Structures are given as C-alpha cells and as structure tokens.
Amino acid sequence: MKTSVCFAFAYLCTACLPLHSQSIPAGAIKGDFNGDGKPDYVWIVKPTLNTAQDDCDGPCVVHIKSTIKGAEDIVVKQAIGGTLTNLGDLKGNRHDEIGFLPEWFTSCWRGYLTYQVKANQWQPLTESIPTHCNLWEAGVFPITKLKGNPGVVQINYSVIDGDSILVKTKFIKL
C-alpha cells in the first residue's frame, strides 16, 4: 500500500519537478554537455513542410535546442530534420559533445556537424565532415575517439576520386 501511495503522489505531483524537465520532448538526447556533472538534454525542432512535403513553409532551418541555461539554439540552415547523437567526451574534459547529420530532400552528400559547449554556449568542435551514403552504408561513423590518445579523434569522410566515392581517414587533435 505504501508503494502505491508514493507512486500516486509522484505521478500527480508533476508540478514538483523542475520546469525544464517538463518541457523536454520525447527523443531528446541526454548527456553532460557543459561539464557541470548534471544531465543536460538536446533535441531538434524541424521546420514545417508544405502539404506536398517538397518544400518548407518558410525557411528550411533546423533548431537544436538544449536545457543548458543561457545557451542559444544551434541553427542549421538548409535542413529539414536530422539525426542528433551524443558523441561522448571526445576531448577528455568531462564534457560530452554532439554530432548532427542534417536531412534534406535529395542527395546522399551531407556535412556531418559537431558541437561542444564552451562558457555555456554551443560552438563548432570540428569543421563540417563531408559524408556520402557510402560512408553510412559501410557502417563507418564520421568521428570517433582515438583510444590511448586523449583529445585526438579519427575523422572518416567521403571524397570523389574519378568515378568513385571513397572513404578517407585523418586524425586531428581537438
């Protein structure tokens, strides 16, 4: 009986929860993006498409929103959606970073975007990483932490070589 009373109280007392936890949409990505040891959340807000689903009603812009107090949205132009990923702590500084693969109406070419939080503001972590469907179909991820080398990542990207599209690799220190 005691358990069901506590459950009912917790269920009915949603006003007791912090305001930002009530406005986090389903599908939000959880991480510690500002390094304060508390969970943060990020999610995307897609533009509205027209009835034919072949153009936007207004600008084709995705907003990446977060629960980080004072952080402005990340604005991604020429996007109608996308996939948001918690990349973990790539830099070894106890801050998780995020990656975003924008969606568009056509084309297999997409720039994979990475972001970090500095002074409670989102900033690019790397330059846009050129990717083609061949990279994703091969199960290759655009950016991974290089084990044993703190702050060094492996970048996998797509390039055109004659009639072929190849996956190349480089290493960078963040």
C-alpha atoms as a PDB file:
ATOM      1  CA  MET A   1       0.000   0.000   0.000  1.00  0.00           C
ATOM      2  CA  LYS A   2       2.790   2.408   0.900  1.00  0.00           C
ATOM      3  CA  THR A   3       4.439   1.968  -2.512  1.00  0.00           C
ATOM      4  CA  SER A   4       1.240   2.672  -4.451  1.00  0.00           C
ATOM      5  CA  VAL A   5       0.574   5.830  -2.385  1.00  0.00           C
ATOM      6  CA  CYS A   6       4.107   7.118  -3.120  1.00  0.00           C
ATOM      7  CA  PHE A   7       3.716   6.276  -6.800  1.00  0.00           C
ATOM      8  CA  ALA A   8       0.362   8.064  -6.975  1.00  0.00           C
ATOM      9  CA  PHE A   9       1.815  11.114  -5.215  1.00  0.00           C
ATOM     10  CA  ALA A  10       4.812  11.246  -7.594  1.00  0.00           C
ATOM     11  CA  TYR A  11       2.514  10.825 -10.591  1.00  0.00           C
ATOM     12  CA  LEU A  12       0.143  13.586  -9.506  1.00  0.00           C
ATOM     13  CA  CYS A  13       2.839  15.976  -8.347  1.00  0.00           C
ATOM     14  CA  THR A  14       4.407  16.851 -11.710  1.00  0.00           C
ATOM     15  CA  ALA A  15       4.384  20.486 -10.573  1.00  0.00           C
ATOM     16  CA  CYS A  16       7.125  19.492  -8.102  1.00  0.00           C
ATOM     17  CA  LEU A  17       9.513  18.738 -10.980  1.00  0.00           C
ATOM     18  CA  PRO A  18      11.854  21.417 -12.345  1.00  0.00           C
ATOM     19  CA  LEU A  19      10.237  23.394 -15.167  1.00  0.00           C
ATOM     20  CA  HIS A  20      12.779  22.355 -17.826  1.00  0.00           C
ATOM     21  CA  SER A  21      12.192  18.634 -17.207  1.00  0.00           C
ATOM     22  CA  GLN A  22       8.524  19.075 -18.124  1.00  0.00           C
ATOM     23  CA  SER A  23       9.365  20.678 -21.482  1.00  0.00           C
ATOM     24  CA  ILE A  24      11.905  18.082 -22.684  1.00  0.00           C
ATOM     25  CA  PRO A  25      10.391  16.359 -25.714  1.00  0.00           C
ATOM     26  CA  ALA A  26      10.455  12.623 -26.287  1.00  0.00           C
ATOM     27  CA  GLY A  27      13.552  11.613 -28.199  1.00  0.00           C
ATOM     28  CA  ALA A  28      15.803  14.235 -26.573  1.00  0.00           C
ATOM     29  CA  ILE A  29      19.441  13.212 -26.197  1.00  0.00           C
ATOM     30  CA  LYS A  30      20.851  13.139 -22.650  1.00  0.00           C
ATOM     31  CA  GLY A  31      24.445  13.984 -21.676  1.00  0.00           C
ATOM     32  CA  ASP A  32      26.614  16.288 -19.618  1.00  0.00           C
ATOM     33  CA  PHE A  33      27.366  18.809 -22.339  1.00  0.00           C
ATOM     34  CA  ASN A  34      28.533  21.690 -20.112  1.00  0.00           C
ATOM     35  CA  GLY A  35      30.582  19.568 -17.697  1.00  0.00           C
ATOM     36  CA  ASP A  36      28.719  20.532 -14.512  1.00  0.00           C
ATOM     37  CA  GLY A  37      28.008  16.914 -13.566  1.00  0.00           C
ATOM     38  CA  LYS A  38      24.250  17.311 -14.101  1.00  0.00           C
ATOM     39  CA  PRO A  39      22.248  15.891 -17.010  1.00  0.00           C
ATOM     40  CA  ASP A  40      21.558  18.173 -19.967  1.00  0.00           C
ATOM     41  CA  TYR A  41      19.229  17.444 -22.883  1.00  0.00           C
ATOM     42  CA  VAL A  42      19.345  18.407 -26.564  1.00  0.00           C
ATOM     43  CA  TRP A  43      16.704  17.936 -29.272  1.00  0.00           C
ATOM     44  CA  ILE A  44      15.846  19.182 -32.738  1.00  0.00           C
ATOM     45  CA  VAL A  45      12.941  21.296 -33.912  1.00  0.00           C
ATOM     46  CA  LYS A  46      12.202  20.739 -37.584  1.00  0.00           C
ATOM     47  CA  PRO A  47      10.772  23.315 -39.976  1.00  0.00           C
ATOM     48  CA  THR A  48       7.185  22.927 -41.148  1.00  0.00           C
ATOM     49  CA  LEU A  49       6.912  21.370 -44.610  1.00  0.00           C
ATOM     50  CA  ASN A  50       4.293  22.301 -47.186  1.00  0.00           C
ATOM     51  CA  THR A  51       1.410  19.931 -47.934  1.00  0.00           C
ATOM     52  CA  ALA A  52       3.302  18.324 -50.845  1.00  0.00           C
ATOM     53  CA  GLN A  53       6.252  17.662 -48.494  1.00  0.00           C
ATOM     54  CA  ASP A  54       8.659  19.008 -51.127  1.00  0.00           C
ATOM     55  CA  ASP A  55       9.469  22.427 -49.645  1.00  0.00           C
ATOM     56  CA  CYS A  56       9.330  24.283 -46.345  1.00  0.00           C
ATOM     57  CA  ASP A  57       6.645  26.713 -45.227  1.00  0.00           C
ATOM     58  CA  GLY A  58       9.216  29.399 -44.521  1.00  0.00           C
ATOM     59  CA  PRO A  59      12.949  28.850 -44.168  1.00  0.00           C
ATOM     60  CA  CYS A  60      14.326  25.290 -44.187  1.00  0.00           C
ATOM     61  CA  VAL A  61      16.108  25.623 -40.864  1.00  0.00           C
ATOM     62  CA  VAL A  62      16.529  23.158 -38.004  1.00  0.00           C
ATOM     63  CA  HIS A  63      16.973  24.455 -34.463  1.00  0.00           C
ATOM     64  CA  ILE A  64      18.931  22.354 -31.986  1.00  0.00           C
ATOM     65  CA  LYS A  65      17.645  23.288 -28.546  1.00  0.00           C
ATOM     66  CA  SER A  66      19.023  22.393 -25.129  1.00  0.00           C
ATOM     67  CA  THR A  67      18.332  22.674 -21.422  1.00  0.00           C
ATOM     68  CA  ILE A  68      21.647  24.485 -20.875  1.00  0.00           C
ATOM     69  CA  LYS A  69      20.725  27.752 -19.185  1.00  0.00           C
ATOM     70  CA  GLY A  70      21.602  30.750 -21.380  1.00  0.00           C
ATOM     71  CA  ALA A  71      22.793  28.687 -24.363  1.00  0.00           C
ATOM     72  CA  GLU A  72      21.431  29.886 -27.690  1.00  0.00           C
ATOM     73  CA  ASP A  73      19.995  27.383 -30.151  1.00  0.00           C
ATOM     74  CA  ILE A  74      22.230  25.881 -32.801  1.00  0.00           C
ATOM     75  CA  VAL A  75      20.730  26.943 -36.141  1.00  0.00           C
ATOM     76  CA  VAL A  76      21.327  24.630 -39.094  1.00  0.00           C
ATOM     77  CA  LYS A  77      20.327  26.131 -42.445  1.00  0.00           C
ATOM     78  CA  GLN A  78      19.360  24.029 -45.462  1.00  0.00           C
ATOM     79  CA  ALA A  79      17.993  21.223 -43.281  1.00  0.00           C
ATOM     80  CA  ILE A  80      14.552  19.656 -42.841  1.00  0.00           C
ATOM     81  CA  GLY A  81      15.440  17.279 -40.000  1.00  0.00           C
ATOM     82  CA  GLY A  82      18.349  15.143 -38.988  1.00  0.00           C
ATOM     83  CA  THR A  83      19.929  12.735 -36.569  1.00  0.00           C
ATOM     84  CA  LEU A  84      21.374  14.027 -33.318  1.00  0.00           C
ATOM     85  CA  THR A  85      23.984  11.943 -31.457  1.00  0.00           C
ATOM     86  CA  ASN A  86      25.744  12.223 -28.104  1.00  0.00           C
ATOM     87  CA  LEU A  87      29.379  11.656 -29.134  1.00  0.00           C
ATOM     88  CA  GLY A  88      30.552  11.235 -25.537  1.00  0.00           C
ATOM     89  CA  ASP A  89      33.581  13.025 -24.141  1.00  0.00           C
ATOM     90  CA  LEU A  90      35.859  13.290 -27.182  1.00  0.00           C
ATOM     91  CA  LYS A  91      38.220  15.856 -25.649  1.00  0.00           C
ATOM     92  CA  GLY A  92      38.772  14.251 -22.243  1.00  0.00           C
ATOM     93  CA  ASN A  93      37.427  17.318 -20.407  1.00  0.00           C
ATOM     94  CA  ARG A  94      34.293  15.753 -18.818  1.00  0.00           C
ATOM     95  CA  HIS A  95      32.010  17.450 -21.387  1.00  0.00           C
ATOM     96  CA  ASP A  96      30.029  15.369 -23.870  1.00  0.00           C
ATOM     97  CA  GLU A  97      29.966  16.637 -27.451  1.00  0.00           C
ATOM     98  CA  ILE A  98      27.176  16.241 -30.014  1.00  0.00           C
ATOM     99  CA  GLY A  99      27.028  15.344 -33.683  1.00  0.00           C
ATOM    100  CA  PHE A 100      24.290  16.183 -36.146  1.00  0.00           C
ATOM    101  CA  LEU A 101      23.621  14.673 -39.576  1.00  0.00           C
ATOM    102  CA  PRO A 102      21.205  17.039 -41.365  1.00  0.00           C
ATOM    103  CA  GLU A 103      18.435  15.707 -43.614  1.00  0.00           C
ATOM    104  CA  TRP A 104      17.499  17.260 -46.958  1.00  0.00           C
ATOM    105  CA  PHE A 105      15.002  16.461 -49.690  1.00  0.00           C
ATOM    106  CA  THR A 106      17.614  14.967 -52.045  1.00  0.00           C
ATOM    107  CA  SER A 107      21.279  13.958 -52.274  1.00  0.00           C
ATOM    108  CA  CYS A 108      23.460  11.490 -50.453  1.00  0.00           C
ATOM    109  CA  TRP A 109      26.048  14.190 -49.696  1.00  0.00           C
ATOM    110  CA  ARG A 110      25.754  15.711 -46.233  1.00  0.00           C
ATOM    111  CA  GLY A 111      28.064  17.634 -43.959  1.00  0.00           C
ATOM    112  CA  TYR A 112      28.267  15.983 -40.532  1.00  0.00           C
ATOM    113  CA  LEU A 113      28.335  18.718 -37.870  1.00  0.00           C
ATOM    114  CA  THR A 114      29.938  18.504 -34.427  1.00  0.00           C
ATOM    115  CA  TYR A 115      29.462  20.856 -31.481  1.00  0.00           C
ATOM    116  CA  GLN A 116      30.839  21.467 -27.998  1.00  0.00           C
ATOM    117  CA  VAL A 117      29.830  23.771 -25.144  1.00  0.00           C
ATOM    118  CA  LYS A 118      32.259  26.477 -24.048  1.00  0.00           C
ATOM    119  CA  ALA A 119      31.216  29.113 -21.494  1.00  0.00           C
ATOM    120  CA  ASN A 120      27.634  27.766 -21.738  1.00  0.00           C
ATOM    121  CA  GLN A 121      27.450  28.444 -25.498  1.00  0.00           C
ATOM    122  CA  TRP A 122      27.449  25.934 -28.346  1.00  0.00           C
ATOM    123  CA  GLN A 123      30.451  26.170 -30.679  1.00  0.00           C
ATOM    124  CA  PRO A 124      31.623  24.007 -33.591  1.00  0.00           C
ATOM    125  CA  LEU A 125      34.006  21.254 -32.481  1.00  0.00           C
ATOM    126  CA  THR A 126      35.373  20.459 -35.960  1.00  0.00           C
ATOM    127  CA  GLU A 127      34.819  21.675 -39.478  1.00  0.00           C
ATOM    128  CA  SER A 128      31.872  20.084 -41.270  1.00  0.00           C
ATOM    129  CA  ILE A 129      32.786  16.495 -42.186  1.00  0.00           C
ATOM    130  CA  PRO A 130      31.788  15.610 -45.785  1.00  0.00           C
ATOM    131  CA  THR A 131      29.838  12.362 -45.848  1.00  0.00           C
ATOM    132  CA  HIS A 132      28.141  10.378 -48.583  1.00  0.00           C
ATOM    133  CA  CYS A 133      25.724   7.474 -48.238  1.00  0.00           C
ATOM    134  CA  ASN A 134      28.638   5.089 -48.916  1.00  0.00           C
ATOM    135  CA  LEU A 135      30.192   6.005 -45.563  1.00  0.00           C
ATOM    136  CA  TRP A 136      26.974   5.349 -43.658  1.00  0.00           C
ATOM    137  CA  GLU A 137      26.137   2.189 -45.634  1.00  0.00           C
ATOM    138  CA  ALA A 138      29.596   0.798 -44.771  1.00  0.00           C
ATOM    139  CA  GLY A 139      28.809   1.336 -41.079  1.00  0.00           C
ATOM    140  CA  VAL A 140      31.608   3.895 -40.710  1.00  0.00           C
ATOM    141  CA  PHE A 141      30.987   6.723 -38.259  1.00  0.00           C
ATOM    142  CA  PRO A 142      32.381  10.185 -39.147  1.00  0.00           C
ATOM    143  CA  ILE A 143      34.151  10.885 -35.835  1.00  0.00           C
ATOM    144  CA  THR A 144      35.472   8.575 -33.125  1.00  0.00           C
ATOM    145  CA  LYS A 145      37.737   8.953 -30.123  1.00  0.00           C
ATOM    146  CA  LEU A 146      41.220   7.529 -30.665  1.00  0.00           C
ATOM    147  CA  LYS A 147      41.882   5.160 -27.742  1.00  0.00           C
ATOM    148  CA  GLY A 148      45.008   5.903 -25.777  1.00  0.00           C
ATOM    149  CA  ASN A 149      45.318   9.428 -27.212  1.00  0.00           C
ATOM    150  CA  PRO A 150      43.256  11.893 -25.155  1.00  0.00           C
ATOM    151  CA  GLY A 151      41.809  14.696 -27.265  1.00  0.00           C
ATOM    152  CA  VAL A 152      42.682  13.013 -30.583  1.00  0.00           C
ATOM    153  CA  VAL A 153      39.860  11.859 -32.875  1.00  0.00           C
ATOM    154  CA  GLN A 154      39.624   9.867 -36.067  1.00  0.00           C
ATOM    155  CA  ILE A 155      37.708  11.654 -38.815  1.00  0.00           C
ATOM    156  CA  ASN A 156      36.203   9.465 -41.553  1.00  0.00           C
ATOM    157  CA  TYR A 157      34.984  11.383 -44.576  1.00  0.00           C
ATOM    158  CA  SER A 158      33.859  10.850 -48.170  1.00  0.00           C
ATOM    159  CA  VAL A 159      35.695  12.121 -51.266  1.00  0.00           C
ATOM    160  CA  ILE A 160      35.222  11.831 -55.022  1.00  0.00           C
ATOM    161  CA  ASP A 161      38.112  10.109 -56.803  1.00  0.00           C
ATOM    162  CA  GLY A 162      37.398   9.966 -60.530  1.00  0.00           C
ATOM    163  CA  ASP A 163      34.218   7.922 -60.896  1.00  0.00           C
ATOM    164  CA  SER A 164      34.341   6.576 -57.362  1.00  0.00           C
ATOM    165  CA  ILE A 165      33.358   7.899 -53.966  1.00  0.00           C
ATOM    166  CA  LEU A 166      35.875   6.788 -51.350  1.00  0.00           C
ATOM    167  CA  VAL A 167      36.044   6.886 -47.566  1.00  0.00           C
ATOM    168  CA  LYS A 168      39.241   8.507 -46.277  1.00  0.00           C
ATOM    169  CA  THR A 169      40.567   8.876 -42.738  1.00  0.00           C
ATOM    170  CA  LYS A 170      42.541  11.535 -40.900  1.00  0.00           C
ATOM    171  CA  PHE A 171      43.410  12.190 -37.286  1.00  0.00           C
ATOM    172  CA  ILE A 172      43.094  15.565 -35.552  1.00  0.00           C
ATOM    173  CA  LYS A 173      43.824  16.882 -32.078  1.00  0.00           C
ATOM    174  CA  LEU A 174      40.896  18.791 -30.630  1.00  0.00           C
END
